[in-house]
N, C-alpha and C. Protein backbone atom coordinates (compact mmCIF):
# COMPACT_ATOMS: atom_id res chain seq x y z
N MET A 1 0.85 -1.18 0.00
CA MET A 1 0.00 0.00 0.00
C MET A 1 0.88 1.23 0.00
N GLY A 2 0.53 2.21 -0.82
CA GLY A 2 1.25 3.47 -0.81
C GLY A 2 0.85 4.32 0.38
N LYS A 3 1.64 5.32 0.63
CA LYS A 3 1.37 6.23 1.75
C LYS A 3 0.15 7.09 1.44
N VAL A 4 -0.77 7.16 2.42
CA VAL A 4 -1.97 7.98 2.29
C VAL A 4 -1.96 9.00 3.41
N VAL A 5 -1.98 10.28 3.05
CA VAL A 5 -1.99 11.37 4.01
C VAL A 5 -3.25 12.18 3.77
N VAL A 6 -3.95 12.53 4.87
CA VAL A 6 -5.19 13.31 4.75
C VAL A 6 -5.14 14.50 5.69
N LYS A 7 -5.90 15.53 5.34
CA LYS A 7 -6.08 16.67 6.23
C LYS A 7 -7.21 16.32 7.20
N ILE A 8 -6.97 16.62 8.48
CA ILE A 8 -8.00 16.39 9.49
C ILE A 8 -8.19 17.66 10.29
N LYS A 9 -9.42 17.87 10.74
CA LYS A 9 -9.71 18.99 11.64
C LYS A 9 -10.01 18.39 13.00
N LEU A 10 -9.39 18.94 14.02
CA LEU A 10 -9.54 18.47 15.39
C LEU A 10 -10.05 19.62 16.24
N THR A 11 -11.07 19.34 17.07
CA THR A 11 -11.63 20.35 17.96
C THR A 11 -11.71 19.76 19.36
N ASN A 12 -11.33 20.55 20.35
CA ASN A 12 -11.41 20.11 21.74
C ASN A 12 -12.88 19.87 22.07
N GLN A 13 -13.26 18.61 22.33
CA GLN A 13 -14.65 18.26 22.57
C GLN A 13 -15.19 18.88 23.85
N GLY A 14 -14.35 19.01 24.86
CA GLY A 14 -14.78 19.69 26.09
C GLY A 14 -15.17 21.13 25.83
N ASP A 15 -14.42 21.81 24.96
CA ASP A 15 -14.76 23.18 24.59
C ASP A 15 -16.09 23.23 23.84
N VAL A 16 -16.34 22.26 22.98
CA VAL A 16 -17.59 22.20 22.21
C VAL A 16 -18.78 22.06 23.17
N VAL A 17 -18.64 21.16 24.14
CA VAL A 17 -19.71 20.93 25.11
C VAL A 17 -19.94 22.18 25.95
N ALA A 18 -18.87 22.82 26.43
CA ALA A 18 -19.01 24.03 27.23
C ALA A 18 -19.70 25.14 26.45
N ALA A 19 -19.35 25.30 25.18
CA ALA A 19 -19.98 26.33 24.35
C ALA A 19 -21.45 26.01 24.12
N ARG A 20 -21.76 24.74 23.86
CA ARG A 20 -23.15 24.34 23.61
C ARG A 20 -24.02 24.59 24.85
N ARG A 21 -23.44 24.38 26.02
CA ARG A 21 -24.19 24.58 27.28
C ARG A 21 -24.13 26.03 27.76
N LYS A 22 -23.51 26.87 26.94
CA LYS A 22 -23.37 28.29 27.24
C LYS A 22 -22.62 28.54 28.55
N LEU A 23 -21.65 27.67 28.82
CA LEU A 23 -20.79 27.84 29.99
C LEU A 23 -19.62 28.75 29.70
N THR A 24 -19.41 29.05 28.43
CA THR A 24 -18.34 29.94 28.00
C THR A 24 -18.74 30.61 26.70
N THR A 25 -18.13 31.75 26.45
CA THR A 25 -18.33 32.42 25.16
C THR A 25 -17.11 32.23 24.27
N ALA A 26 -16.11 31.54 24.81
CA ALA A 26 -14.88 31.32 24.03
C ALA A 26 -15.14 30.34 22.89
N LYS A 27 -14.46 30.59 21.81
CA LYS A 27 -14.55 29.69 20.66
C LYS A 27 -13.77 28.41 20.97
N PRO A 28 -14.32 27.22 20.65
CA PRO A 28 -13.59 25.97 20.90
C PRO A 28 -12.23 25.96 20.19
N ARG A 29 -11.22 25.45 20.90
CA ARG A 29 -9.89 25.34 20.31
C ARG A 29 -9.91 24.27 19.23
N ALA A 30 -9.34 24.61 18.07
CA ALA A 30 -9.34 23.69 16.93
C ALA A 30 -8.08 23.89 16.11
N VAL A 31 -7.65 22.82 15.46
CA VAL A 31 -6.50 22.88 14.54
C VAL A 31 -6.79 21.99 13.34
N GLU A 32 -6.14 22.32 12.25
CA GLU A 32 -6.15 21.45 11.07
C GLU A 32 -4.72 20.99 10.84
N VAL A 33 -4.55 19.68 10.70
CA VAL A 33 -3.24 19.09 10.52
C VAL A 33 -3.33 17.96 9.50
N GLU A 34 -2.18 17.46 9.10
CA GLU A 34 -2.15 16.28 8.26
C GLU A 34 -1.95 15.05 9.14
N ALA A 35 -2.51 13.92 8.69
CA ALA A 35 -2.33 12.67 9.40
C ALA A 35 -2.07 11.56 8.38
N LEU A 36 -1.20 10.66 8.75
CA LEU A 36 -0.93 9.48 7.95
C LEU A 36 -2.00 8.45 8.27
N VAL A 37 -2.65 7.93 7.24
CA VAL A 37 -3.64 6.87 7.43
C VAL A 37 -2.85 5.58 7.66
N ASP A 38 -3.08 4.96 8.81
CA ASP A 38 -2.31 3.78 9.18
C ASP A 38 -3.27 2.68 9.65
N ILE A 39 -3.58 1.74 8.75
CA ILE A 39 -4.52 0.67 9.11
C ILE A 39 -3.90 -0.33 10.08
N GLY A 40 -2.61 -0.22 10.34
CA GLY A 40 -1.96 -1.03 11.35
C GLY A 40 -2.06 -0.42 12.74
N ALA A 41 -2.44 0.85 12.81
CA ALA A 41 -2.64 1.53 14.09
C ALA A 41 -4.11 1.38 14.48
N THR A 42 -4.37 1.44 15.77
CA THR A 42 -5.73 1.24 16.25
C THR A 42 -6.50 2.54 16.41
N ARG A 43 -5.87 3.56 16.98
CA ARG A 43 -6.57 4.76 17.44
C ARG A 43 -6.15 6.01 16.68
N LEU A 44 -6.49 7.15 17.27
CA LEU A 44 -6.05 8.45 16.78
C LEU A 44 -4.84 8.85 17.61
N TYR A 45 -3.68 8.95 16.97
CA TYR A 45 -2.42 9.29 17.63
C TYR A 45 -1.99 10.68 17.17
N LEU A 46 -1.71 11.56 18.14
CA LEU A 46 -1.33 12.93 17.81
C LEU A 46 -0.02 13.32 18.47
N LYS A 47 0.68 14.22 17.81
CA LYS A 47 1.94 14.77 18.33
C LYS A 47 1.66 15.64 19.56
N PRO A 48 2.62 15.73 20.47
CA PRO A 48 2.45 16.59 21.64
C PRO A 48 2.12 18.05 21.28
N SER A 49 2.69 18.57 20.21
CA SER A 49 2.41 19.96 19.84
C SER A 49 0.94 20.16 19.47
N VAL A 50 0.32 19.16 18.87
CA VAL A 50 -1.10 19.24 18.52
C VAL A 50 -1.95 19.12 19.78
N ILE A 51 -1.59 18.18 20.64
CA ILE A 51 -2.31 17.99 21.91
C ILE A 51 -2.27 19.28 22.73
N HIS A 52 -1.10 19.91 22.78
CA HIS A 52 -0.94 21.17 23.52
C HIS A 52 -1.79 22.29 22.91
N ALA A 53 -1.78 22.39 21.59
CA ALA A 53 -2.56 23.43 20.91
C ALA A 53 -4.05 23.29 21.19
N LEU A 54 -4.51 22.06 21.38
CA LEU A 54 -5.92 21.81 21.67
C LEU A 54 -6.25 21.94 23.15
N GLY A 55 -5.23 22.03 24.00
CA GLY A 55 -5.45 22.18 25.43
C GLY A 55 -6.01 20.93 26.08
N LEU A 56 -5.64 19.76 25.60
CA LEU A 56 -6.17 18.51 26.13
C LEU A 56 -5.46 18.09 27.41
N GLU A 57 -6.20 17.49 28.31
CA GLU A 57 -5.66 17.00 29.58
C GLU A 57 -5.53 15.47 29.51
N GLN A 58 -4.48 14.96 30.12
CA GLN A 58 -4.29 13.51 30.17
C GLN A 58 -5.33 12.89 31.10
N VAL A 59 -5.91 11.76 30.66
CA VAL A 59 -6.93 11.08 31.46
C VAL A 59 -6.56 9.63 31.80
N ASP A 60 -5.56 9.08 31.11
CA ASP A 60 -5.22 7.67 31.33
C ASP A 60 -3.89 7.37 30.65
N THR A 61 -3.49 6.11 30.73
CA THR A 61 -2.34 5.63 29.97
C THR A 61 -2.74 4.31 29.31
N VAL A 62 -2.00 3.93 28.30
CA VAL A 62 -2.23 2.68 27.58
C VAL A 62 -0.89 2.13 27.14
N ILE A 63 -0.80 0.83 27.03
CA ILE A 63 0.40 0.21 26.47
C ILE A 63 0.14 -0.03 24.99
N SER A 64 0.99 0.52 24.14
CA SER A 64 0.87 0.34 22.69
C SER A 64 1.97 -0.60 22.21
N GLN A 65 1.60 -1.49 21.33
CA GLN A 65 2.60 -2.35 20.70
C GLN A 65 3.17 -1.59 19.51
N THR A 66 4.48 -1.36 19.52
CA THR A 66 5.13 -0.63 18.44
C THR A 66 6.15 -1.53 17.75
N THR A 67 6.75 -1.05 16.69
CA THR A 67 7.79 -1.83 16.01
C THR A 67 9.01 -2.04 16.89
N ASN A 68 9.16 -1.19 17.92
CA ASN A 68 10.26 -1.33 18.87
C ASN A 68 9.84 -2.03 20.16
N GLY A 69 8.65 -2.65 20.17
CA GLY A 69 8.15 -3.31 21.36
C GLY A 69 7.10 -2.46 22.06
N PRO A 70 6.63 -2.92 23.23
CA PRO A 70 5.60 -2.20 23.97
C PRO A 70 6.07 -0.82 24.43
N ALA A 71 5.17 0.14 24.41
CA ALA A 71 5.47 1.50 24.86
C ALA A 71 4.28 2.04 25.64
N LYS A 72 4.57 2.68 26.78
CA LYS A 72 3.51 3.31 27.57
C LYS A 72 3.21 4.67 26.96
N ARG A 73 1.94 4.91 26.68
CA ARG A 73 1.52 6.17 26.05
C ARG A 73 0.43 6.83 26.89
N ALA A 74 0.40 8.14 26.86
CA ALA A 74 -0.64 8.91 27.54
C ALA A 74 -1.89 8.96 26.68
N VAL A 75 -3.04 8.88 27.33
CA VAL A 75 -4.34 9.03 26.67
C VAL A 75 -4.93 10.35 27.13
N TYR A 76 -5.47 11.11 26.19
CA TYR A 76 -6.00 12.45 26.47
C TYR A 76 -7.50 12.53 26.20
N GLU A 77 -8.08 13.60 26.70
CA GLU A 77 -9.50 13.87 26.51
C GLU A 77 -9.88 13.77 25.03
N PRO A 78 -11.16 13.53 24.76
CA PRO A 78 -11.58 13.36 23.37
C PRO A 78 -11.57 14.65 22.56
N VAL A 79 -11.42 14.43 21.28
CA VAL A 79 -11.54 15.50 20.29
C VAL A 79 -12.64 15.14 19.31
N ARG A 80 -13.17 16.16 18.68
CA ARG A 80 -14.06 15.95 17.55
C ARG A 80 -13.14 15.89 16.33
N LEU A 81 -13.14 14.76 15.65
CA LEU A 81 -12.31 14.55 14.47
C LEU A 81 -13.19 14.68 13.23
N GLU A 82 -12.78 15.56 12.32
CA GLU A 82 -13.51 15.72 11.06
C GLU A 82 -12.58 15.36 9.90
N VAL A 83 -13.09 14.50 9.04
CA VAL A 83 -12.36 14.08 7.84
C VAL A 83 -13.34 14.05 6.68
N GLN A 84 -13.07 14.83 5.67
CA GLN A 84 -13.88 14.84 4.45
C GLN A 84 -15.38 14.97 4.74
N GLY A 85 -15.72 15.84 5.68
CA GLY A 85 -17.13 16.11 5.99
C GLY A 85 -17.77 15.13 6.96
N ARG A 86 -17.05 14.11 7.40
CA ARG A 86 -17.56 13.16 8.38
C ARG A 86 -16.89 13.42 9.71
N TYR A 87 -17.59 13.13 10.80
CA TYR A 87 -16.99 13.42 12.10
C TYR A 87 -17.40 12.41 13.16
N GLY A 88 -16.60 12.38 14.21
CA GLY A 88 -16.86 11.56 15.38
C GLY A 88 -15.97 12.03 16.51
N ASN A 89 -16.24 11.56 17.72
CA ASN A 89 -15.47 11.94 18.90
C ASN A 89 -14.58 10.78 19.31
N PHE A 90 -13.29 11.08 19.53
CA PHE A 90 -12.30 10.04 19.81
C PHE A 90 -11.31 10.50 20.87
N ASP A 91 -10.96 9.57 21.78
CA ASP A 91 -9.85 9.83 22.69
C ASP A 91 -8.59 9.95 21.85
N VAL A 92 -7.59 10.61 22.41
CA VAL A 92 -6.32 10.84 21.72
C VAL A 92 -5.21 10.12 22.47
N VAL A 93 -4.32 9.49 21.73
CA VAL A 93 -3.13 8.88 22.31
C VAL A 93 -1.93 9.66 21.77
N ASP A 94 -0.97 9.95 22.67
CA ASP A 94 0.19 10.72 22.21
C ASP A 94 1.17 9.83 21.47
N ILE A 95 1.90 10.48 20.60
CA ILE A 95 2.94 9.83 19.80
C ILE A 95 4.10 10.81 19.74
N GLY A 96 5.26 10.37 19.40
CA GLY A 96 6.42 11.25 19.38
C GLY A 96 6.27 12.42 18.41
N GLU A 97 6.90 13.52 18.76
CA GLU A 97 6.85 14.72 17.92
C GLU A 97 7.51 14.48 16.56
N HIS A 98 8.43 13.54 16.49
CA HIS A 98 9.20 13.29 15.27
C HIS A 98 8.49 12.38 14.27
N VAL A 99 7.33 11.85 14.64
CA VAL A 99 6.59 10.97 13.72
C VAL A 99 5.28 11.64 13.32
N PRO A 100 4.66 11.19 12.23
CA PRO A 100 3.41 11.84 11.81
C PRO A 100 2.24 11.52 12.74
N ASN A 101 1.25 12.41 12.75
CA ASN A 101 -0.02 12.10 13.38
C ASN A 101 -0.57 10.88 12.64
N LEU A 102 -1.24 9.98 13.37
CA LEU A 102 -1.73 8.74 12.76
C LEU A 102 -3.24 8.62 12.91
N LEU A 103 -3.89 8.30 11.83
CA LEU A 103 -5.33 8.03 11.81
C LEU A 103 -5.48 6.52 11.67
N GLY A 104 -5.87 5.88 12.78
CA GLY A 104 -5.91 4.42 12.84
C GLY A 104 -7.25 3.81 12.48
N GLN A 105 -7.34 2.50 12.68
CA GLN A 105 -8.46 1.70 12.21
C GLN A 105 -9.80 2.04 12.88
N ILE A 106 -9.80 2.31 14.19
CA ILE A 106 -11.08 2.58 14.87
C ILE A 106 -11.75 3.85 14.31
N PRO A 107 -11.04 4.97 14.20
CA PRO A 107 -11.70 6.14 13.58
C PRO A 107 -12.10 5.88 12.12
N LEU A 108 -11.26 5.15 11.38
CA LEU A 108 -11.60 4.87 9.98
C LEU A 108 -12.89 4.07 9.87
N GLU A 109 -13.03 3.05 10.71
CA GLU A 109 -14.25 2.24 10.66
C GLU A 109 -15.47 3.03 11.11
N TYR A 110 -15.32 3.81 12.17
CA TYR A 110 -16.44 4.62 12.66
C TYR A 110 -16.90 5.62 11.60
N LEU A 111 -15.94 6.26 10.94
CA LEU A 111 -16.26 7.25 9.91
C LEU A 111 -16.62 6.60 8.58
N ASP A 112 -16.49 5.28 8.50
CA ASP A 112 -16.87 4.49 7.32
C ASP A 112 -16.02 4.84 6.09
N PHE A 113 -14.70 4.88 6.32
CA PHE A 113 -13.75 5.08 5.23
C PHE A 113 -12.95 3.82 4.98
N VAL A 114 -12.49 3.67 3.75
CA VAL A 114 -11.55 2.61 3.39
C VAL A 114 -10.41 3.24 2.62
N VAL A 115 -9.30 2.54 2.58
CA VAL A 115 -8.14 3.03 1.85
C VAL A 115 -8.17 2.49 0.43
N ASP A 116 -8.10 3.40 -0.52
CA ASP A 116 -7.94 3.03 -1.94
C ASP A 116 -6.44 3.03 -2.19
N SER A 117 -5.83 1.85 -2.03
CA SER A 117 -4.37 1.78 -2.12
C SER A 117 -3.86 2.01 -3.53
N LYS A 118 -4.64 1.66 -4.53
CA LYS A 118 -4.22 1.87 -5.92
C LYS A 118 -4.04 3.36 -6.21
N ASN A 119 -5.00 4.15 -5.76
CA ASN A 119 -4.96 5.60 -6.02
C ASN A 119 -4.40 6.39 -4.84
N ARG A 120 -3.98 5.67 -3.77
CA ARG A 120 -3.37 6.28 -2.60
C ARG A 120 -4.22 7.39 -2.01
N LYS A 121 -5.50 7.04 -1.69
CA LYS A 121 -6.37 8.02 -1.06
C LYS A 121 -7.39 7.32 -0.16
N LEU A 122 -8.00 8.12 0.68
CA LEU A 122 -9.04 7.66 1.59
C LEU A 122 -10.37 7.93 0.92
N ILE A 123 -11.24 6.91 0.89
CA ILE A 123 -12.53 7.06 0.21
C ILE A 123 -13.66 6.53 1.12
N PRO A 124 -14.88 7.05 0.91
CA PRO A 124 -16.02 6.47 1.63
C PRO A 124 -16.17 5.00 1.23
N ASN A 125 -16.62 4.19 2.18
CA ASN A 125 -16.81 2.77 1.92
C ASN A 125 -17.74 2.60 0.72
N PRO A 126 -17.25 2.01 -0.39
CA PRO A 126 -18.08 1.90 -1.60
C PRO A 126 -19.33 1.05 -1.40
N GLU A 127 -19.33 0.18 -0.41
CA GLU A 127 -20.51 -0.64 -0.14
C GLU A 127 -21.67 0.19 0.41
N HIS A 128 -21.38 1.41 0.89
CA HIS A 128 -22.40 2.24 1.51
C HIS A 128 -22.68 3.52 0.73
N GLY A 129 -22.12 3.66 -0.46
CA GLY A 129 -22.34 4.87 -1.25
C GLY A 129 -21.78 6.09 -0.56
N ASP A 130 -22.49 7.19 -0.61
CA ASP A 130 -22.03 8.44 -0.01
C ASP A 130 -22.50 8.63 1.42
N LYS A 131 -23.14 7.64 1.99
CA LYS A 131 -23.67 7.75 3.35
C LYS A 131 -22.76 7.06 4.35
N GLN A 132 -22.53 7.72 5.47
CA GLN A 132 -21.77 7.11 6.56
C GLN A 132 -22.69 6.14 7.28
N MET A 133 -22.27 4.88 7.36
CA MET A 133 -23.09 3.86 7.99
C MET A 133 -22.33 3.11 9.06
N SER A 134 -23.08 2.52 9.99
CA SER A 134 -22.54 1.63 11.00
C SER A 134 -23.03 0.23 10.67
N GLU A 135 -22.24 -0.76 11.06
CA GLU A 135 -22.67 -2.14 10.86
C GLU A 135 -22.94 -2.77 12.19
N GLU A 136 -24.04 -3.50 12.29
CA GLU A 136 -24.43 -4.21 13.51
C GLU A 136 -24.68 -5.66 13.14
N TYR A 137 -24.03 -6.54 13.82
CA TYR A 137 -24.22 -7.97 13.56
C TYR A 137 -24.50 -8.68 14.84
């Protein structure tokens, strides 16, 4: 598979909730960045600089299996992730500043995207047309 990079918009979900409940008049913190689509990764992994820009607080830790073996990673408050007009809320796991932000399998499945490896792009699941769908079995 060729490398697939997409633009993603991230918004601090806590800020969104506070604004919706009229607890603040501040605009929710948001950034647009590029992320490498990685079907070998599970979650949404972001660089510390992105996490800091969004003002996210650490809520947990997780052990991630990496190419260099297990690594303890911090888990942060959820963000609203938007990709190509589709969105969902996802916890964030930190990754090193020297590696790309990673868009893993769980957000891809939730947003109903698949990788078109021939054309090196992210596309809506062709089985569902232009509609984002969930599968229940």
